Amino acid sequence: MAPTRNRNPFKIVLGSKSMARKRILAEMGYEFTVVTADIDEKEIRKEKPEDLVMALAEAKADAIISRLEKTSEMEEEDDGHVTLLITADTVVVYKGMIREKPSSKEEAREFIKGYSGGHAAVVGSVLVTNLKTGIKKGGWDKAEVYFHDIPEEVIDNMIEEGISLNVAGGLMLEHPLTLPFVDTVVGTADTVMGLTKALTENLIDEAL
């Protein structure tokens, strides 16, 4: 576990309720507070997955900034600390089709059945906004996940647990039910989980 970086001259707000993103940011050694964006993600449409995840991260940032301004949570302390807002979005691309969070258990089942013995790509964005200067730095990363055959009863258990309904493409790589059926990850696991560590670190440096 990396040492916590609360001594750094900046604060972090994570604009996500994703447990995986919280865990990744904590693993990177950062302390942070969480503020979530209340947006209708389905209203934002782009043809390319890279454009979609960037647009969604941007929309989340705008919504959170607007919310913080209204509640005066954004006021800087006298010690001059900068606050960085981190927003992110992830989609799964399967046979050229963009998949977001499944809208039903039936759709989640269809998604997971497709991955069985096959593969899918994951595209994830990160956007870091310096709330003091207004500077925004963003980027995206991509990974591919190859699967062994996933037995029907395992798919049933995943659906029953409801885990698949809350994640892009119904795919939760780190879950104990999923992990045994992952053959290979091309790219980094943290990209699949929703926050690429190296990209996030670079964007934090750039935003400062």
C-alpha atoms as a PDB file:
ATOM      1  CA  MET A   1       0.000   0.000   0.000  1.00  0.00           C
ATOM      2  CA  ALA A   2       1.441   3.357  -1.023  1.00  0.00           C
ATOM      3  CA  PRO A   3       1.799   6.015   1.680  1.00  0.00           C
ATOM      4  CA  THR A   4      -1.114   8.465   1.780  1.00  0.00           C
ATOM      5  CA  ARG A   5      -0.281  11.714   0.063  1.00  0.00           C
ATOM      6  CA  ASN A   6      -2.348  14.018   2.256  1.00  0.00           C
ATOM      7  CA  ARG A   7       0.772  16.147   2.746  1.00  0.00           C
ATOM      8  CA  ASN A   8       0.684  17.120  -0.919  1.00  0.00           C
ATOM      9  CA  PRO A   9      -0.343  20.748  -1.478  1.00  0.00           C
ATOM     10  CA  PHE A  10      -3.641  19.780  -3.085  1.00  0.00           C
ATOM     11  CA  LYS A  11      -6.904  18.082  -2.227  1.00  0.00           C
ATOM     12  CA  ILE A  12      -8.753  15.545  -4.354  1.00  0.00           C
ATOM     13  CA  VAL A  13     -12.466  15.191  -4.994  1.00  0.00           C
ATOM     14  CA  LEU A  14     -13.422  11.931  -6.715  1.00  0.00           C
ATOM     15  CA  GLY A  15     -16.518  12.441  -8.829  1.00  0.00           C
ATOM     16  CA  SER A  16     -17.639   8.810  -8.769  1.00  0.00           C
ATOM     17  CA  LYS A  17     -19.508   6.385  -6.531  1.00  0.00           C
ATOM     18  CA  SER A  18     -17.679   3.412  -8.075  1.00  0.00           C
ATOM     19  CA  MET A  19     -16.170   1.192  -5.369  1.00  0.00           C
ATOM     20  CA  ALA A  20     -13.411   0.112  -7.783  1.00  0.00           C
ATOM     21  CA  ARG A  21     -12.368   3.718  -8.522  1.00  0.00           C
ATOM     22  CA  LYS A  22     -12.319   4.531  -4.805  1.00  0.00           C
ATOM     23  CA  ARG A  23     -10.131   1.507  -4.176  1.00  0.00           C
ATOM     24  CA  ILE A  24      -7.727   2.327  -7.020  1.00  0.00           C
ATOM     25  CA  LEU A  25      -7.301   5.956  -5.920  1.00  0.00           C
ATOM     26  CA  ALA A  26      -6.676   4.804  -2.340  1.00  0.00           C
ATOM     27  CA  GLU A  27      -4.112   2.268  -3.630  1.00  0.00           C
ATOM     28  CA  MET A  28      -2.346   5.161  -5.360  1.00  0.00           C
ATOM     29  CA  GLY A  29      -1.869   6.662  -1.920  1.00  0.00           C
ATOM     30  CA  TYR A  30      -4.328   9.568  -2.149  1.00  0.00           C
ATOM     31  CA  GLU A  31      -6.837  10.757   0.390  1.00  0.00           C
ATOM     32  CA  PHE A  32     -10.009  12.138  -1.181  1.00  0.00           C
ATOM     33  CA  THR A  33     -13.625  13.063  -0.683  1.00  0.00           C
ATOM     34  CA  VAL A  34     -16.417  11.787  -2.918  1.00  0.00           C
ATOM     35  CA  VAL A  35     -19.021  13.943  -4.690  1.00  0.00           C
ATOM     36  CA  THR A  36     -21.224  12.320  -7.316  1.00  0.00           C
ATOM     37  CA  ALA A  37     -22.714  13.762 -10.496  1.00  0.00           C
ATOM     38  CA  ASP A  38     -26.425  13.466 -11.077  1.00  0.00           C
ATOM     39  CA  ILE A  39     -26.607  13.316 -14.865  1.00  0.00           C
ATOM     40  CA  ASP A  40     -28.578  11.242 -17.370  1.00  0.00           C
ATOM     41  CA  GLU A  41     -25.738   9.447 -19.138  1.00  0.00           C
ATOM     42  CA  LYS A  42     -28.081   8.162 -21.861  1.00  0.00           C
ATOM     43  CA  GLU A  43     -28.621  11.745 -23.053  1.00  0.00           C
ATOM     44  CA  ILE A  44     -24.999  11.963 -24.152  1.00  0.00           C
ATOM     45  CA  ARG A  45     -24.339  10.021 -27.358  1.00  0.00           C
ATOM     46  CA  LYS A  46     -21.183   9.713 -29.462  1.00  0.00           C
ATOM     47  CA  GLU A  47     -20.327   7.221 -32.185  1.00  0.00           C
ATOM     48  CA  LYS A  48     -16.775   6.485 -31.044  1.00  0.00           C
ATOM     49  CA  PRO A  49     -16.275   4.937 -27.583  1.00  0.00           C
ATOM     50  CA  GLU A  50     -13.272   7.221 -26.932  1.00  0.00           C
ATOM     51  CA  ASP A  51     -15.387  10.319 -27.657  1.00  0.00           C
ATOM     52  CA  LEU A  52     -18.258   9.005 -25.524  1.00  0.00           C
ATOM     53  CA  VAL A  53     -16.201   8.321 -22.387  1.00  0.00           C
ATOM     54  CA  MET A  54     -14.493  11.721 -22.671  1.00  0.00           C
ATOM     55  CA  ALA A  55     -17.836  13.519 -23.122  1.00  0.00           C
ATOM     56  CA  LEU A  56     -19.317  11.702 -20.121  1.00  0.00           C
ATOM     57  CA  ALA A  57     -16.331  12.517 -17.879  1.00  0.00           C
ATOM     58  CA  GLU A  58     -16.658  16.156 -18.970  1.00  0.00           C
ATOM     59  CA  ALA A  59     -20.421  16.208 -18.261  1.00  0.00           C
ATOM     60  CA  LYS A  60     -19.866  14.674 -14.815  1.00  0.00           C
ATOM     61  CA  ALA A  61     -17.223  17.315 -14.043  1.00  0.00           C
ATOM     62  CA  ASP A  62     -19.508  20.180 -15.147  1.00  0.00           C
ATOM     63  CA  ALA A  63     -22.400  18.846 -13.030  1.00  0.00           C
ATOM     64  CA  ILE A  64     -20.206  18.431  -9.937  1.00  0.00           C
ATOM     65  CA  ILE A  65     -18.590  21.876 -10.325  1.00  0.00           C
ATOM     66  CA  SER A  66     -22.048  23.429 -10.613  1.00  0.00           C
ATOM     67  CA  ARG A  67     -23.154  21.554  -7.487  1.00  0.00           C
ATOM     68  CA  LEU A  68     -20.044  22.547  -5.524  1.00  0.00           C
ATOM     69  CA  GLU A  69     -20.455  26.197  -6.477  1.00  0.00           C
ATOM     70  CA  LYS A  70     -24.052  26.185  -5.236  1.00  0.00           C
ATOM     71  CA  THR A  71     -23.108  24.637  -1.904  1.00  0.00           C
ATOM     72  CA  SER A  72     -19.917  26.711  -1.516  1.00  0.00           C
ATOM     73  CA  GLU A  73     -18.004  23.467  -1.006  1.00  0.00           C
ATOM     74  CA  MET A  74     -15.494  24.726  -3.522  1.00  0.00           C
ATOM     75  CA  GLU A  75     -14.180  27.635  -1.487  1.00  0.00           C
ATOM     76  CA  GLU A  76     -10.433  27.318  -1.137  1.00  0.00           C
ATOM     77  CA  GLU A  77      -8.958  27.294   2.320  1.00  0.00           C
ATOM     78  CA  ASP A  78      -6.647  30.058   3.530  1.00  0.00           C
ATOM     79  CA  ASP A  79      -3.677  27.715   3.253  1.00  0.00           C
ATOM     80  CA  GLY A  80      -3.904  28.047  -0.546  1.00  0.00           C
ATOM     81  CA  HIS A  81      -4.472  24.371  -1.240  1.00  0.00           C
ATOM     82  CA  VAL A  82      -5.598  23.524  -4.751  1.00  0.00           C
ATOM     83  CA  THR A  83      -8.513  21.107  -5.204  1.00  0.00           C
ATOM     84  CA  LEU A  84      -8.448  18.636  -8.088  1.00  0.00           C
ATOM     85  CA  LEU A  85     -11.663  17.005  -9.279  1.00  0.00           C
ATOM     86  CA  ILE A  86     -11.277  13.578 -10.887  1.00  0.00           C
ATOM     87  CA  THR A  87     -14.091  12.270 -13.076  1.00  0.00           C
ATOM     88  CA  ALA A  88     -14.052   9.158 -15.244  1.00  0.00           C
ATOM     89  CA  ASP A  89     -16.180   6.938 -17.425  1.00  0.00           C
ATOM     90  CA  THR A  90     -15.853   3.431 -18.839  1.00  0.00           C
ATOM     91  CA  VAL A  91     -17.581   1.528 -21.626  1.00  0.00           C
ATOM     92  CA  VAL A  92     -17.173  -1.974 -22.999  1.00  0.00           C
ATOM     93  CA  VAL A  93     -16.871  -2.503 -26.753  1.00  0.00           C
ATOM     94  CA  TYR A  94     -18.084  -5.909 -27.949  1.00  0.00           C
ATOM     95  CA  LYS A  95     -18.065  -6.758 -31.665  1.00  0.00           C
ATOM     96  CA  GLY A  96     -17.915  -3.051 -32.468  1.00  0.00           C
ATOM     97  CA  MET A  97     -20.919  -2.183 -30.283  1.00  0.00           C
ATOM     98  CA  ILE A  98     -20.648   0.157 -27.300  1.00  0.00           C
ATOM     99  CA  ARG A  99     -22.008  -1.321 -24.071  1.00  0.00           C
ATOM    100  CA  GLU A 100     -22.780   0.758 -21.007  1.00  0.00           C
ATOM    101  CA  LYS A 101     -24.458  -0.444 -17.782  1.00  0.00           C
ATOM    102  CA  PRO A 102     -27.080  -3.103 -18.592  1.00  0.00           C
ATOM    103  CA  SER A 103     -30.645  -1.775 -18.379  1.00  0.00           C
ATOM    104  CA  SER A 104     -32.072  -5.090 -17.127  1.00  0.00           C
ATOM    105  CA  LYS A 105     -31.107  -8.547 -15.850  1.00  0.00           C
ATOM    106  CA  GLU A 106     -31.941  -9.935 -19.296  1.00  0.00           C
ATOM    107  CA  GLU A 107     -29.528  -7.538 -20.983  1.00  0.00           C
ATOM    108  CA  ALA A 108     -26.845  -8.314 -18.381  1.00  0.00           C
ATOM    109  CA  ARG A 109     -27.249 -12.041 -19.090  1.00  0.00           C
ATOM    110  CA  GLU A 110     -26.964 -11.437 -22.837  1.00  0.00           C
ATOM    111  CA  PHE A 111     -23.792  -9.376 -22.308  1.00  0.00           C
ATOM    112  CA  ILE A 112     -22.051 -11.986 -20.125  1.00  0.00           C
ATOM    113  CA  LYS A 113     -23.036 -14.894 -22.400  1.00  0.00           C
ATOM    114  CA  GLY A 114     -21.345 -13.029 -25.237  1.00  0.00           C
ATOM    115  CA  TYR A 115     -18.075 -12.762 -23.309  1.00  0.00           C
ATOM    116  CA  SER A 116     -18.022 -16.504 -22.560  1.00  0.00           C
ATOM    117  CA  GLY A 117     -15.189 -17.977 -24.634  1.00  0.00           C
ATOM    118  CA  GLY A 118     -14.783 -14.626 -26.354  1.00  0.00           C
ATOM    119  CA  HIS A 119     -13.288 -11.204 -25.702  1.00  0.00           C
ATOM    120  CA  ALA A 120     -14.223  -7.560 -25.254  1.00  0.00           C
ATOM    121  CA  ALA A 121     -12.412  -4.234 -25.190  1.00  0.00           C
ATOM    122  CA  VAL A 122     -12.718  -1.707 -22.374  1.00  0.00           C
ATOM    123  CA  VAL A 123     -12.286   2.018 -23.033  1.00  0.00           C
ATOM    124  CA  GLY A 124     -11.924   4.309 -20.023  1.00  0.00           C
ATOM    125  CA  SER A 125     -11.481   8.048 -19.661  1.00  0.00           C
ATOM    126  CA  VAL A 126     -10.026  10.164 -16.882  1.00  0.00           C
ATOM    127  CA  LEU A 127     -10.516  13.929 -16.561  1.00  0.00           C
ATOM    128  CA  VAL A 128      -8.711  15.988 -13.920  1.00  0.00           C
ATOM    129  CA  THR A 129     -10.034  19.518 -13.323  1.00  0.00           C
ATOM    130  CA  ASN A 130      -8.084  22.048 -11.279  1.00  0.00           C
ATOM    131  CA  LEU A 131     -10.896  23.847  -9.452  1.00  0.00           C
ATOM    132  CA  LYS A 132      -8.661  26.822  -8.644  1.00  0.00           C
ATOM    133  CA  THR A 133      -7.399  27.543 -12.174  1.00  0.00           C
ATOM    134  CA  GLY A 134     -10.141  25.877 -14.231  1.00  0.00           C
ATOM    135  CA  ILE A 135      -7.506  23.875 -16.138  1.00  0.00           C
ATOM    136  CA  LYS A 136      -8.814  20.512 -17.400  1.00  0.00           C
ATOM    137  CA  LYS A 137      -6.593  17.653 -18.486  1.00  0.00           C
ATOM    138  CA  GLY A 138      -8.107  14.471 -19.856  1.00  0.00           C
ATOM    139  CA  GLY A 139      -7.267  11.304 -21.713  1.00  0.00           C
ATOM    140  CA  TRP A 140      -8.405   7.747 -22.338  1.00  0.00           C
ATOM    141  CA  ASP A 141      -6.931   4.288 -22.236  1.00  0.00           C
ATOM    142  CA  LYS A 142      -7.922   0.904 -23.596  1.00  0.00           C
ATOM    143  CA  ALA A 143      -7.570  -2.732 -22.523  1.00  0.00           C
ATOM    144  CA  GLU A 144      -8.814  -6.071 -23.853  1.00  0.00           C
ATOM    145  CA  VAL A 145     -10.134  -8.965 -21.810  1.00  0.00           C
ATOM    146  CA  TYR A 146     -10.178 -12.561 -23.088  1.00  0.00           C
ATOM    147  CA  PHE A 147     -12.439 -15.075 -21.340  1.00  0.00           C
ATOM    148  CA  HIS A 148     -12.636 -18.819 -20.855  1.00  0.00           C
ATOM    149  CA  ASP A 149     -16.086 -20.361 -21.206  1.00  0.00           C
ATOM    150  CA  ILE A 150     -18.307 -19.143 -18.363  1.00  0.00           C
ATOM    151  CA  PRO A 151     -20.699 -21.859 -17.070  1.00  0.00           C
ATOM    152  CA  GLU A 152     -24.432 -21.109 -17.122  1.00  0.00           C
ATOM    153  CA  GLU A 153     -24.754 -21.466 -13.329  1.00  0.00           C
ATOM    154  CA  VAL A 154     -21.982 -18.906 -12.781  1.00  0.00           C
ATOM    155  CA  ILE A 155     -23.807 -16.469 -15.066  1.00  0.00           C
ATOM    156  CA  ASP A 156     -26.994 -17.156 -13.051  1.00  0.00           C
ATOM    157  CA  ASN A 157     -25.149 -16.342  -9.817  1.00  0.00           C
ATOM    158  CA  MET A 158     -23.720 -13.123 -11.274  1.00  0.00           C
ATOM    159  CA  ILE A 159     -27.200 -12.024 -12.357  1.00  0.00           C
ATOM    160  CA  GLU A 160     -28.747 -12.957  -8.995  1.00  0.00           C
ATOM    161  CA  GLU A 161     -26.123 -10.949  -7.133  1.00  0.00           C
ATOM    162  CA  GLY A 162     -26.995  -7.938  -9.261  1.00  0.00           C
ATOM    163  CA  ILE A 163     -23.317  -6.953  -9.613  1.00  0.00           C
ATOM    164  CA  SER A 164     -23.548  -6.810 -13.394  1.00  0.00           C
ATOM    165  CA  LEU A 165     -26.227  -4.123 -13.413  1.00  0.00           C
ATOM    166  CA  ASN A 166     -23.933  -1.496 -11.894  1.00  0.00           C
ATOM    167  CA  VAL A 167     -20.892  -1.784 -14.159  1.00  0.00           C
ATOM    168  CA  ALA A 168     -20.147  -0.980 -17.797  1.00  0.00           C
ATOM    169  CA  GLY A 169     -20.999  -3.870 -20.089  1.00  0.00           C
ATOM    170  CA  GLY A 170     -22.036  -5.941 -17.050  1.00  0.00           C
ATOM    171  CA  LEU A 171     -18.349  -6.767 -16.658  1.00  0.00           C
ATOM    172  CA  MET A 172     -16.751  -6.663 -13.187  1.00  0.00           C
ATOM    173  CA  LEU A 173     -13.268  -8.060 -13.675  1.00  0.00           C
ATOM    174  CA  GLU A 174     -12.230  -8.138 -10.026  1.00  0.00           C
ATOM    175  CA  HIS A 175     -15.311  -9.971  -8.724  1.00  0.00           C
ATOM    176  CA  PRO A 176     -14.633 -13.495  -7.338  1.00  0.00           C
ATOM    177  CA  LEU A 177     -17.258 -14.946  -9.688  1.00  0.00           C
ATOM    178  CA  THR A 178     -15.645 -13.376 -12.773  1.00  0.00           C
ATOM    179  CA  LEU A 179     -11.928 -13.680 -12.039  1.00  0.00           C
ATOM    180  CA  PRO A 180     -11.547 -17.491 -12.507  1.00  0.00           C
ATOM    181  CA  PHE A 181     -12.884 -17.159 -16.069  1.00  0.00           C
ATOM    182  CA  VAL A 182     -10.540 -14.378 -17.189  1.00  0.00           C
ATOM    183  CA  ASP A 183      -7.945 -15.849 -19.540  1.00  0.00           C
ATOM    184  CA  THR A 184      -5.828 -12.797 -20.441  1.00  0.00           C
ATOM    185  CA  VAL A 185      -5.915  -9.033 -19.975  1.00  0.00           C
ATOM    186  CA  VAL A 186      -4.090  -7.048 -22.661  1.00  0.00           C
ATOM    187  CA  GLY A 187      -3.453  -3.695 -21.027  1.00  0.00           C
ATOM    188  CA  THR A 188      -3.857  -2.951 -17.332  1.00  0.00           C
ATOM    189  CA  ALA A 189      -6.446  -4.354 -14.923  1.00  0.00           C
ATOM    190  CA  ASP A 190      -7.028  -0.878 -13.471  1.00  0.00           C
ATOM    191  CA  THR A 191      -8.188   0.328 -16.911  1.00  0.00           C
ATOM    192  CA  VAL A 192     -10.789  -2.449 -16.934  1.00  0.00           C
ATOM    193  CA  MET A 193     -11.805  -1.571 -13.360  1.00  0.00           C
ATOM    194  CA  GLY A 194     -12.428   2.061 -14.256  1.00  0.00           C
ATOM    195  CA  LEU A 195      -9.377   4.197 -13.439  1.00  0.00           C
ATOM    196  CA  THR A 196      -5.997   3.845 -15.160  1.00  0.00           C
ATOM    197  CA  LYS A 197      -3.350   4.610 -12.534  1.00  0.00           C
ATOM    198  CA  ALA A 198      -0.565   5.822 -14.842  1.00  0.00           C
ATOM    199  CA  LEU A 199      -2.927   8.040 -16.856  1.00  0.00           C
ATOM    200  CA  THR A 200      -4.468   9.503 -13.686  1.00  0.00           C
ATOM    201  CA  GLU A 201      -1.027  10.259 -12.225  1.00  0.00           C
ATOM    202  CA  ASN A 202       0.082  12.020 -15.428  1.00  0.00           C
ATOM    203  CA  LEU A 203      -3.112  14.088 -15.633  1.00  0.00           C
ATOM    204  CA  ILE A 204      -2.806  15.153 -11.981  1.00  0.00           C
ATOM    205  CA  ASP A 205       0.726  16.428 -12.725  1.00  0.00           C
ATOM    206  CA  GLU A 206      -0.485  18.247 -15.858  1.00  0.00           C
ATOM    207  CA  ALA A 207      -3.486  19.826 -14.097  1.00  0.00           C
ATOM    208  CA  LEU A 208      -1.233  21.184 -11.361  1.00  0.00           C
END
